[in-house]
Amino acid sequence: MPENPRFHTSKREVQSPWEGYAALNGGFWPPTWTLGHEAFASARVDGILFPSTKNPAGICLLIFTGRLVADATHVTVHKQDGTVWERLP
């Protein structure tokens, strides 16, 4: 993930440790928390894909469960071009 000018973040920052961050940085949230909060607050996304810190080839999916429809039976993840990338379960 190269530097993203839209969110002013990078792969290094997204994969940085968050445990204890606030205590070491004057109570400020870790960049990943800020990014997640802003994404949720935008109401334009229902989740975030991000690189795994434990598996360099892995991708993690964070779903904002508050945005799920009450009777939903699955989650569909779309590519940027609108095609279906994955359907869970």
Protein backbone atom coordinates (compact mmCIF):
# COMPACT_ATOMS: atom_id res chain seq x y z
CA MET A 1 0.00 0.00 0.00
CA PRO A 2 1.72 3.20 -1.10
CA GLU A 3 1.16 6.51 0.62
CA ASN A 4 -2.53 7.35 0.26
CA PRO A 5 -2.93 11.12 -0.16
CA ARG A 6 -6.67 10.88 0.38
CA PHE A 7 -6.27 9.48 3.89
CA HIS A 8 -2.69 10.62 4.47
CA THR A 9 -1.58 7.18 5.57
CA SER A 10 0.77 4.42 4.50
CA LYS A 11 1.13 0.66 4.88
CA ARG A 12 3.74 1.22 7.59
CA GLU A 13 1.40 3.43 9.58
CA VAL A 14 -1.58 1.10 9.15
CA GLN A 15 0.52 -1.84 10.35
CA SER A 16 2.07 0.01 13.30
CA PRO A 17 1.39 -1.29 16.82
CA TRP A 18 -1.66 0.24 18.50
CA GLU A 19 -1.31 -1.30 21.96
CA GLY A 20 -0.23 1.41 24.38
CA TYR A 21 -0.21 4.07 21.64
CA ALA A 22 -2.43 6.54 23.51
CA ALA A 23 -0.35 6.29 26.67
CA LEU A 24 2.83 7.04 24.72
CA ASN A 25 1.33 9.81 22.57
CA GLY A 26 -0.51 12.16 24.89
CA GLY A 27 -3.82 10.33 24.75
CA PHE A 28 -4.13 10.57 20.96
CA TRP A 29 -5.70 7.65 19.11
CA PRO A 30 -3.48 5.44 16.97
CA PRO A 31 -3.69 6.36 13.26
CA THR A 32 -5.59 3.14 12.55
CA TRP A 33 -8.33 4.09 15.02
CA THR A 34 -8.61 7.55 13.49
CA LEU A 35 -8.85 6.04 10.01
CA GLY A 36 -11.54 3.56 11.12
CA HIS A 37 -13.50 6.26 12.91
CA GLU A 38 -13.41 8.58 9.90
CA ALA A 39 -14.40 5.77 7.54
CA PHE A 40 -17.38 4.88 9.74
CA ALA A 41 -18.38 8.53 10.24
CA SER A 42 -18.35 9.13 6.50
CA ALA A 43 -21.30 6.71 6.15
CA ARG A 44 -19.93 5.88 2.68
CA VAL A 45 -18.31 2.54 3.54
CA ASP A 46 -19.53 -0.54 5.38
CA GLY A 47 -16.11 -1.99 6.11
CA ILE A 48 -12.39 -1.79 5.46
CA LEU A 49 -9.88 -4.17 3.87
CA PHE A 50 -6.35 -3.81 5.23
CA PRO A 51 -3.05 -5.72 5.13
CA SER A 52 -2.43 -8.31 7.85
CA THR A 53 0.45 -7.69 10.24
CA LYS A 54 0.72 -11.40 11.09
CA ASN A 55 0.64 -12.74 7.52
CA PRO A 56 2.40 -10.57 4.91
CA ALA A 57 0.28 -12.13 2.13
CA GLY A 58 -2.95 -11.82 4.12
CA ILE A 59 -5.77 -9.31 4.00
CA CYS A 60 -8.07 -8.52 6.92
CA LEU A 61 -11.69 -7.42 6.68
CA LEU A 62 -13.28 -5.15 9.27
CA ILE A 63 -17.08 -4.96 8.95
CA PHE A 64 -19.00 -2.13 10.59
CA THR A 65 -21.66 -4.41 12.05
CA GLY A 66 -23.86 -1.43 12.90
CA ARG A 67 -24.42 -1.01 9.17
CA LEU A 68 -25.62 -4.57 8.56
CA VAL A 69 -29.29 -5.01 7.69
CA ALA A 70 -31.08 -6.82 10.52
CA ASP A 71 -32.21 -9.78 8.42
CA ALA A 72 -29.02 -10.05 6.30
CA THR A 73 -27.91 -13.61 5.58
CA HIS A 74 -24.55 -12.77 4.00
CA VAL A 75 -21.98 -10.05 3.34
CA THR A 76 -20.83 -9.30 -0.19
CA VAL A 77 -17.46 -7.63 -0.79
CA HIS A 78 -17.10 -5.76 -4.08
CA LYS A 79 -14.00 -4.81 -6.06
CA GLN A 80 -13.51 -1.17 -7.00
CA ASP A 81 -15.02 -1.87 -10.42
CA GLY A 82 -18.25 -3.10 -8.77
CA THR A 83 -17.80 -6.81 -9.44
CA VAL A 84 -18.16 -9.27 -6.57
CA TRP A 85 -14.87 -10.19 -4.92
CA GLU A 86 -16.18 -12.39 -2.08
CA ARG A 87 -19.44 -13.41 -0.48
CA LEU A 88 -19.50 -14.47 3.18
CA PRO A 89 -20.68 -17.06 4.18
